[in-house]
C-alpha atoms as a PDB file:
ATOM      1  CA  UNK A   1      -2.370  -3.074 -33.994  1.00  0.00           C
ATOM      2  CA  UNK A   2      -4.761  -1.254 -31.538  1.00  0.00           C
ATOM      3  CA  UNK A   3      -3.810  -1.841 -28.015  1.00  0.00           C
ATOM      4  CA  UNK A   4      -6.378  -4.232 -25.720  1.00  0.00           C
ATOM      5  CA  UNK A   5      -9.027  -1.989 -24.226  1.00  0.00           C
ATOM      6  CA  UNK A   6      -8.812  -2.200 -20.610  1.00  0.00           C
ATOM      7  CA  UNK A   7     -12.252  -3.674 -20.023  1.00  0.00           C
ATOM      8  CA  UNK A   8     -11.225  -6.754 -21.966  1.00  0.00           C
ATOM      9  CA  UNK A   9      -7.996  -6.662 -20.252  1.00  0.00           C
ATOM     10  CA  UNK A  10     -10.067  -6.688 -16.552  1.00  0.00           C
ATOM     11  CA  UNK A  11     -12.356  -9.428 -17.947  1.00  0.00           C
ATOM     12  CA  UNK A  12      -8.987 -11.359 -18.809  1.00  0.00           C
ATOM     13  CA  UNK A  13      -7.727 -10.587 -15.167  1.00  0.00           C
ATOM     14  CA  UNK A  14     -11.357 -12.341 -13.650  1.00  0.00           C
ATOM     15  CA  UNK A  15     -11.671 -14.998 -15.493  1.00  0.00           C
ATOM     16  CA  UNK A  16      -8.119 -16.275 -14.739  1.00  0.00           C
ATOM     17  CA  UNK A  17      -6.091 -17.708 -12.011  1.00  0.00           C
ATOM     18  CA  UNK A  18      -7.538 -16.728  -8.942  1.00  0.00           C
ATOM     19  CA  UNK A  19      -6.972 -15.210  -6.032  1.00  0.00           C
ATOM     20  CA  UNK A  20      -5.467 -12.719  -8.352  1.00  0.00           C
ATOM     21  CA  UNK A  21      -1.481 -12.665  -8.292  1.00  0.00           C
ATOM     22  CA  UNK A  22       0.499 -10.230  -7.254  1.00  0.00           C
ATOM     23  CA  UNK A  23       3.283  -8.606  -9.624  1.00  0.00           C
ATOM     24  CA  UNK A  24       6.448  -8.504  -8.068  1.00  0.00           C
ATOM     25  CA  UNK A  25       9.099  -5.581  -8.333  1.00  0.00           C
ATOM     26  CA  UNK A  26      10.928  -5.586 -11.561  1.00  0.00           C
ATOM     27  CA  UNK A  27       7.572  -5.613 -13.796  1.00  0.00           C
ATOM     28  CA  UNK A  28       7.253  -1.895 -15.692  1.00  0.00           C
ATOM     29  CA  UNK A  29       3.647  -1.863 -14.583  1.00  0.00           C
ATOM     30  CA  UNK A  30       4.707  -0.812 -11.050  1.00  0.00           C
ATOM     31  CA  UNK A  31       6.868   1.728 -12.262  1.00  0.00           C
ATOM     32  CA  UNK A  32       4.836   3.849 -14.714  1.00  0.00           C
ATOM     33  CA  UNK A  33       2.112   6.409 -13.616  1.00  0.00           C
ATOM     34  CA  UNK A  34      -1.513   4.778 -13.585  1.00  0.00           C
ATOM     35  CA  UNK A  35      -4.057   6.544 -15.780  1.00  0.00           C
ATOM     36  CA  UNK A  36      -7.203   7.826 -13.939  1.00  0.00           C
ATOM     37  CA  UNK A  37     -10.182   5.608 -13.644  1.00  0.00           C
ATOM     38  CA  UNK A  38     -12.595   7.936 -15.613  1.00  0.00           C
ATOM     39  CA  UNK A  39     -15.869   5.600 -16.973  1.00  0.00           C
ATOM     40  CA  UNK A  40     -13.567   2.873 -18.676  1.00  0.00           C
ATOM     41  CA  UNK A  41     -15.482  -0.040 -16.889  1.00  0.00           C
ATOM     42  CA  UNK A  42     -18.738  -0.544 -16.609  1.00  0.00           C
ATOM     43  CA  UNK A  43     -20.082  -0.425 -13.102  1.00  0.00           C
ATOM     44  CA  UNK A  44     -20.361  -4.190 -13.006  1.00  0.00           C
ATOM     45  CA  UNK A  45     -17.030  -4.779 -14.258  1.00  0.00           C
ATOM     46  CA  UNK A  46     -15.869  -2.436 -11.612  1.00  0.00           C
ATOM     47  CA  UNK A  47     -17.432  -4.134  -8.888  1.00  0.00           C
ATOM     48  CA  UNK A  48     -16.162  -7.332  -9.750  1.00  0.00           C
ATOM     49  CA  UNK A  49     -12.653  -5.971 -10.204  1.00  0.00           C
ATOM     50  CA  UNK A  50     -12.911  -4.499  -6.541  1.00  0.00           C
ATOM     51  CA  UNK A  51     -14.049  -7.758  -5.229  1.00  0.00           C
ATOM     52  CA  UNK A  52     -11.435  -9.882  -6.626  1.00  0.00           C
ATOM     53  CA  UNK A  53      -8.548  -7.328  -5.666  1.00  0.00           C
ATOM     54  CA  UNK A  54     -10.336  -7.645  -2.105  1.00  0.00           C
ATOM     55  CA  UNK A  55      -9.628 -11.027  -2.060  1.00  0.00           C
ATOM     56  CA  UNK A  56      -6.216 -11.197  -3.300  1.00  0.00           C
ATOM     57  CA  UNK A  57      -5.868  -8.588  -0.736  1.00  0.00           C
ATOM     58  CA  UNK A  58      -6.821 -10.804   2.194  1.00  0.00           C
ATOM     59  CA  UNK A  59      -5.437 -13.566   0.199  1.00  0.00           C
ATOM     60  CA  UNK A  60      -1.596 -12.744  -0.033  1.00  0.00           C
ATOM     61  CA  UNK A  61      -2.315 -11.245   3.206  1.00  0.00           C
ATOM     62  CA  UNK A  62      -1.895  -7.434   3.336  1.00  0.00           C
ATOM     63  CA  UNK A  63      -3.754  -4.332   4.111  1.00  0.00           C
ATOM     64  CA  UNK A  64      -4.102  -3.121   1.031  1.00  0.00           C
ATOM     65  CA  UNK A  65      -3.611  -3.349  -2.904  1.00  0.00           C
ATOM     66  CA  UNK A  66      -2.995  -1.528  -5.909  1.00  0.00           C
ATOM     67  CA  UNK A  67      -4.395  -1.638  -9.432  1.00  0.00           C
ATOM     68  CA  UNK A  68      -0.552  -2.120 -10.751  1.00  0.00           C
ATOM     69  CA  UNK A  69      -0.037  -4.734  -8.200  1.00  0.00           C
ATOM     70  CA  UNK A  70      -2.250  -7.189 -10.094  1.00  0.00           C
ATOM     71  CA  UNK A  71      -1.118  -5.771 -13.740  1.00  0.00           C
ATOM     72  CA  UNK A  72      -3.539  -3.342 -14.238  1.00  0.00           C
ATOM     73  CA  UNK A  73      -2.294   0.335 -14.989  1.00  0.00           C
ATOM     74  CA  UNK A  74      -5.297   1.978 -13.366  1.00  0.00           C
ATOM     75  CA  UNK A  75      -5.399   4.938 -10.248  1.00  0.00           C
ATOM     76  CA  UNK A  76      -7.653   2.517  -8.189  1.00  0.00           C
ATOM     77  CA  UNK A  77      -6.611   0.533  -4.756  1.00  0.00           C
ATOM     78  CA  UNK A  78      -8.783  -0.909  -1.775  1.00  0.00           C
ATOM     79  CA  UNK A  79      -7.158  -1.213   1.813  1.00  0.00           C
ATOM     80  CA  UNK A  80      -8.482  -2.570   5.060  1.00  0.00           C
ATOM     81  CA  UNK A  81      -6.775  -3.069   8.314  1.00  0.00           C
ATOM     82  CA  UNK A  82      -8.003  -5.377  11.202  1.00  0.00           C
ATOM     83  CA  UNK A  83      -5.426  -4.383  13.544  1.00  0.00           C
ATOM     84  CA  UNK A  84      -4.896  -7.465  15.280  1.00  0.00           C
ATOM     85  CA  UNK A  85      -1.440  -6.780  16.883  1.00  0.00           C
ATOM     86  CA  UNK A  86      -0.359  -6.176  20.354  1.00  0.00           C
ATOM     87  CA  UNK A  87      -1.372  -3.230  22.847  1.00  0.00           C
ATOM     88  CA  UNK A  88       2.322  -2.146  22.531  1.00  0.00           C
ATOM     89  CA  UNK A  89       2.416  -1.947  19.211  1.00  0.00           C
ATOM     90  CA  UNK A  90      -0.932  -0.320  18.343  1.00  0.00           C
ATOM     91  CA  UNK A  91       0.042   2.450  20.858  1.00  0.00           C
ATOM     92  CA  UNK A  92       3.534   3.018  19.116  1.00  0.00           C
ATOM     93  CA  UNK A  93       2.352   2.959  15.336  1.00  0.00           C
ATOM     94  CA  UNK A  94      -1.123   4.290  16.158  1.00  0.00           C
ATOM     95  CA  UNK A  95      -2.402   1.389  13.865  1.00  0.00           C
ATOM     96  CA  UNK A  96      -5.887   0.950  14.322  1.00  0.00           C
ATOM     97  CA  UNK A  97      -8.609  -1.024  12.440  1.00  0.00           C
ATOM     98  CA  UNK A  98      -9.720   0.255   8.935  1.00  0.00           C
ATOM     99  CA  UNK A  99     -12.731  -0.460   7.616  1.00  0.00           C
ATOM    100  CA  UNK A 100     -12.846  -1.853   3.807  1.00  0.00           C
ATOM    101  CA  UNK A 101     -12.313   1.099   1.289  1.00  0.00           C
ATOM    102  CA  UNK A 102     -11.736   1.673  -2.555  1.00  0.00           C
ATOM    103  CA  UNK A 103      -9.939   4.574  -3.157  1.00  0.00           C
ATOM    104  CA  UNK A 104     -10.233   5.655  -7.134  1.00  0.00           C
ATOM    105  CA  UNK A 105      -8.010   8.395  -8.279  1.00  0.00           C
ATOM    106  CA  UNK A 106      -6.526   8.813  -4.928  1.00  0.00           C
ATOM    107  CA  UNK A 107      -4.044  11.741  -3.985  1.00  0.00           C
ATOM    108  CA  UNK A 108      -2.789  13.076  -0.579  1.00  0.00           C
ATOM    109  CA  UNK A 109      -0.763  15.777   0.974  1.00  0.00           C
ATOM    110  CA  UNK A 110       1.155  16.102   4.280  1.00  0.00           C
ATOM    111  CA  UNK A 111      -0.641  17.615   6.831  1.00  0.00           C
ATOM    112  CA  UNK A 112       1.635  19.155   9.694  1.00  0.00           C
ATOM    113  CA  UNK A 113       4.629  17.662   8.090  1.00  0.00           C
ATOM    114  CA  UNK A 114       5.857  15.620  11.000  1.00  0.00           C
ATOM    115  CA  UNK A 115       7.277  12.161  10.340  1.00  0.00           C
ATOM    116  CA  UNK A 116       7.773   9.015  11.740  1.00  0.00           C
ATOM    117  CA  UNK A 117       9.794   6.067  10.662  1.00  0.00           C
ATOM    118  CA  UNK A 118       8.519   2.258  11.087  1.00  0.00           C
ATOM    119  CA  UNK A 119       9.713  -0.984   8.928  1.00  0.00           C
ATOM    120  CA  UNK A 120       7.405  -1.619   6.103  1.00  0.00           C
ATOM    121  CA  UNK A 121       6.635  -4.113   3.451  1.00  0.00           C
ATOM    122  CA  UNK A 122       5.221  -4.838   0.334  1.00  0.00           C
ATOM    123  CA  UNK A 123       3.508  -7.524  -1.579  1.00  0.00           C
ATOM    124  CA  UNK A 124       5.172  -6.708  -4.295  1.00  0.00           C
ATOM    125  CA  UNK A 125       8.548  -7.018  -2.684  1.00  0.00           C
ATOM    126  CA  UNK A 126       8.119  -9.976  -0.678  1.00  0.00           C
ATOM    127  CA  UNK A 127      10.837 -11.314   1.494  1.00  0.00           C
ATOM    128  CA  UNK A 128      11.824  -8.446   3.149  1.00  0.00           C
ATOM    129  CA  UNK A 129      10.962  -4.976   4.945  1.00  0.00           C
ATOM    130  CA  UNK A 130      13.200  -1.612   5.866  1.00  0.00           C
ATOM    131  CA  UNK A 131      12.310   1.523   7.386  1.00  0.00           C
ATOM    132  CA  UNK A 132      10.396   4.157   5.874  1.00  0.00           C
ATOM    133  CA  UNK A 133      10.036   7.923   7.344  1.00  0.00           C
ATOM    134  CA  UNK A 134       6.381   8.883   6.271  1.00  0.00           C
ATOM    135  CA  UNK A 135       3.886  11.686   7.206  1.00  0.00           C
ATOM    136  CA  UNK A 136       1.993  10.903  10.417  1.00  0.00           C
ATOM    137  CA  UNK A 137      -0.787  12.487   8.867  1.00  0.00           C
ATOM    138  CA  UNK A 138      -2.071  13.041   5.668  1.00  0.00           C
ATOM    139  CA  UNK A 139      -5.435  14.500   3.679  1.00  0.00           C
ATOM    140  CA  UNK A 140      -6.465  12.312   1.032  1.00  0.00           C
ATOM    141  CA  UNK A 141      -8.607  13.241  -1.906  1.00  0.00           C
ATOM    142  CA  UNK A 142     -10.534  10.726  -3.898  1.00  0.00           C
ATOM    143  CA  UNK A 143     -13.823   9.083  -5.194  1.00  0.00           C
ATOM    144  CA  UNK A 144     -15.425   5.772  -3.532  1.00  0.00           C
ATOM    145  CA  UNK A 145     -16.365   3.014  -5.689  1.00  0.00           C
ATOM    146  CA  UNK A 146     -19.636   4.685  -5.987  1.00  0.00           C
ATOM    147  CA  UNK A 147     -18.032   7.947  -7.566  1.00  0.00           C
ATOM    148  CA  UNK A 148     -18.757   9.784  -4.334  1.00  0.00           C
ATOM    149  CA  UNK A 149     -16.323  12.452  -3.174  1.00  0.00           C
ATOM    150  CA  UNK A 150     -13.736  11.232  -0.038  1.00  0.00           C
ATOM    151  CA  UNK A 151     -11.909  14.259   1.435  1.00  0.00           C
ATOM    152  CA  UNK A 152     -10.442  13.070   4.875  1.00  0.00           C
ATOM    153  CA  UNK A 153      -7.277  12.932   7.146  1.00  0.00           C
ATOM    154  CA  UNK A 154      -6.090   9.995   8.185  1.00  0.00           C
ATOM    155  CA  UNK A 155      -3.174   9.504  10.836  1.00  0.00           C
ATOM    156  CA  UNK A 156      -0.635   7.171  12.215  1.00  0.00           C
ATOM    157  CA  UNK A 157      -0.795   3.468  10.588  1.00  0.00           C
ATOM    158  CA  UNK A 158      -3.639   4.333   8.242  1.00  0.00           C
ATOM    159  CA  UNK A 159      -1.962   7.419   7.207  1.00  0.00           C
ATOM    160  CA  UNK A 160       1.056   4.931   6.205  1.00  0.00           C
ATOM    161  CA  UNK A 161      -0.834   2.632   4.285  1.00  0.00           C
ATOM    162  CA  UNK A 162      -2.776   5.609   2.163  1.00  0.00           C
ATOM    163  CA  UNK A 163       0.584   6.744   1.155  1.00  0.00           C
ATOM    164  CA  UNK A 164       2.087   3.169   0.487  1.00  0.00           C
ATOM    165  CA  UNK A 165      -0.847   2.763  -1.880  1.00  0.00           C
ATOM    166  CA  UNK A 166      -1.109   5.769  -3.413  1.00  0.00           C
ATOM    167  CA  UNK A 167       2.712   5.730  -4.215  1.00  0.00           C
ATOM    168  CA  UNK A 168       1.777   2.854  -6.280  1.00  0.00           C
ATOM    169  CA  UNK A 169      -0.334   4.613  -8.575  1.00  0.00           C
ATOM    170  CA  UNK A 170       2.587   6.995  -9.129  1.00  0.00           C
ATOM    171  CA  UNK A 171       4.993   4.275  -9.949  1.00  0.00           C
ATOM    172  CA  UNK A 172       6.499   4.521  -6.931  1.00  0.00           C
ATOM    173  CA  UNK A 173       7.795   1.539  -4.216  1.00  0.00           C
ATOM    174  CA  UNK A 174       8.373   1.702  -0.487  1.00  0.00           C
ATOM    175  CA  UNK A 175      12.106   1.056  -1.186  1.00  0.00           C
ATOM    176  CA  UNK A 176      12.417   4.312  -3.162  1.00  0.00           C
ATOM    177  CA  UNK A 177      11.742   5.860   0.232  1.00  0.00           C
ATOM    178  CA  UNK A 178      13.235   3.405   2.739  1.00  0.00           C
ATOM    179  CA  UNK A 179      16.599   3.733   4.878  1.00  0.00           C
ATOM    180  CA  UNK A 180      18.287   1.149   2.935  1.00  0.00           C
ATOM    181  CA  UNK A 181      20.885   0.327   5.893  1.00  0.00           C
ATOM    182  CA  UNK A 182      17.521  -1.008   7.734  1.00  0.00           C
ATOM    183  CA  UNK A 183      16.794  -3.549   5.123  1.00  0.00           C
ATOM    184  CA  UNK A 184      16.181  -7.085   6.423  1.00  0.00           C
ATOM    185  CA  UNK A 185      14.921 -10.775   5.503  1.00  0.00           C
ATOM    186  CA  UNK A 186      11.358 -11.610   6.648  1.00  0.00           C
ATOM    187  CA  UNK A 187      12.528 -15.176   5.544  1.00  0.00           C
ATOM    188  CA  UNK A 188      14.094 -16.571   8.369  1.00  0.00           C
ATOM    189  CA  UNK A 189      12.506 -15.955  12.125  1.00  0.00           C
ATOM    190  CA  UNK A 190      15.805 -14.593  13.801  1.00  0.00           C
ATOM    191  CA  UNK A 191      15.650 -11.833  11.556  1.00  0.00           C
ATOM    192  CA  UNK A 192      11.887 -11.012  11.989  1.00  0.00           C
ATOM    193  CA  UNK A 193      12.234 -11.562  15.610  1.00  0.00           C
ATOM    194  CA  UNK A 194      15.285  -8.902  15.743  1.00  0.00           C
ATOM    195  CA  UNK A 195      13.364  -6.214  14.124  1.00  0.00           C
ATOM    196  CA  UNK A 196       9.908  -7.039  15.770  1.00  0.00           C
ATOM    197  CA  UNK A 197      10.096  -4.038  18.332  1.00  0.00           C
ATOM    198  CA  UNK A 198       7.169  -1.394  18.115  1.00  0.00           C
ATOM    199  CA  UNK A 199       9.493   1.148  16.799  1.00  0.00           C
ATOM    200  CA  UNK A 200      12.743   0.756  15.011  1.00  0.00           C
ATOM    201  CA  UNK A 201      15.060   2.611  17.682  1.00  0.00           C
ATOM    202  CA  UNK A 202      17.226  -0.850  18.135  1.00  0.00           C
ATOM    203  CA  UNK A 203      17.982  -1.090  14.332  1.00  0.00           C
ATOM    204  CA  UNK A 204      18.889   1.763  14.013  1.00  0.00           C
ATOM    205  CA  UNK A 205      21.353   1.897  16.836  1.00  0.00           C
ATOM    206  CA  UNK A 206      22.750  -1.644  15.598  1.00  0.00           C
ATOM    207  CA  UNK A 207      22.379  -0.834  11.915  1.00  0.00           C
ATOM    208  CA  UNK A 208      23.669   2.827  11.942  1.00  0.00           C
ATOM    209  CA  UNK A 209      21.171   5.124  10.466  1.00  0.00           C
ATOM    210  CA  UNK A 210      19.082   8.166  11.921  1.00  0.00           C
ATOM    211  CA  UNK A 211      15.388   8.049  12.737  1.00  0.00           C
ATOM    212  CA  UNK A 212      13.665  11.470  12.164  1.00  0.00           C
ATOM    213  CA  UNK A 213      13.257  13.952  15.045  1.00  0.00           C
ATOM    214  CA  UNK A 214       9.740  15.352  16.462  1.00  0.00           C
ATOM    215  CA  UNK A 215      10.093  19.025  15.708  1.00  0.00           C
END
């Protein structure tokens, strides 16, 4: 039996449960490199898929969503961040608003190599967060939804989002990169409050792990 064409898979998703449900860790689609988007979908179908992904991202809610997270092994992601956080958090994390963006076949490389570590979560790993050291600045290469080239540098929290979502397309979850001693539940208010500081310095001291140092 021949495999179901990708377009048929997308049509089935778009006529099914809405907002699109997010696939949880344990599903093989999250652990396999996604295939490049290269004309498999018509312009109209791609536009409908992107809008459905944006709706699902908002409903979750999250600041990014990769196609494997809705069960599609495709190198496609959306990001958007209102950055509605306290000024102290904004300053510490470099979290600034990001407009809605579509990333087609994205890749990134470090710029400068300096890393920063902060608590991070994932829609596919609900109920937990952990500290992840990521590059502070990256160069993103991708296409947008109209096939136009994207070659742009991101820093701070936007760089973290770009890395997180692109990693999904390579079969990598944030837990693969996390400091597991920092793993914390988000299901109880006390745990959330305890580690809600702008930086994970207190968590590192109390849980016994090391944060990256500036060069």
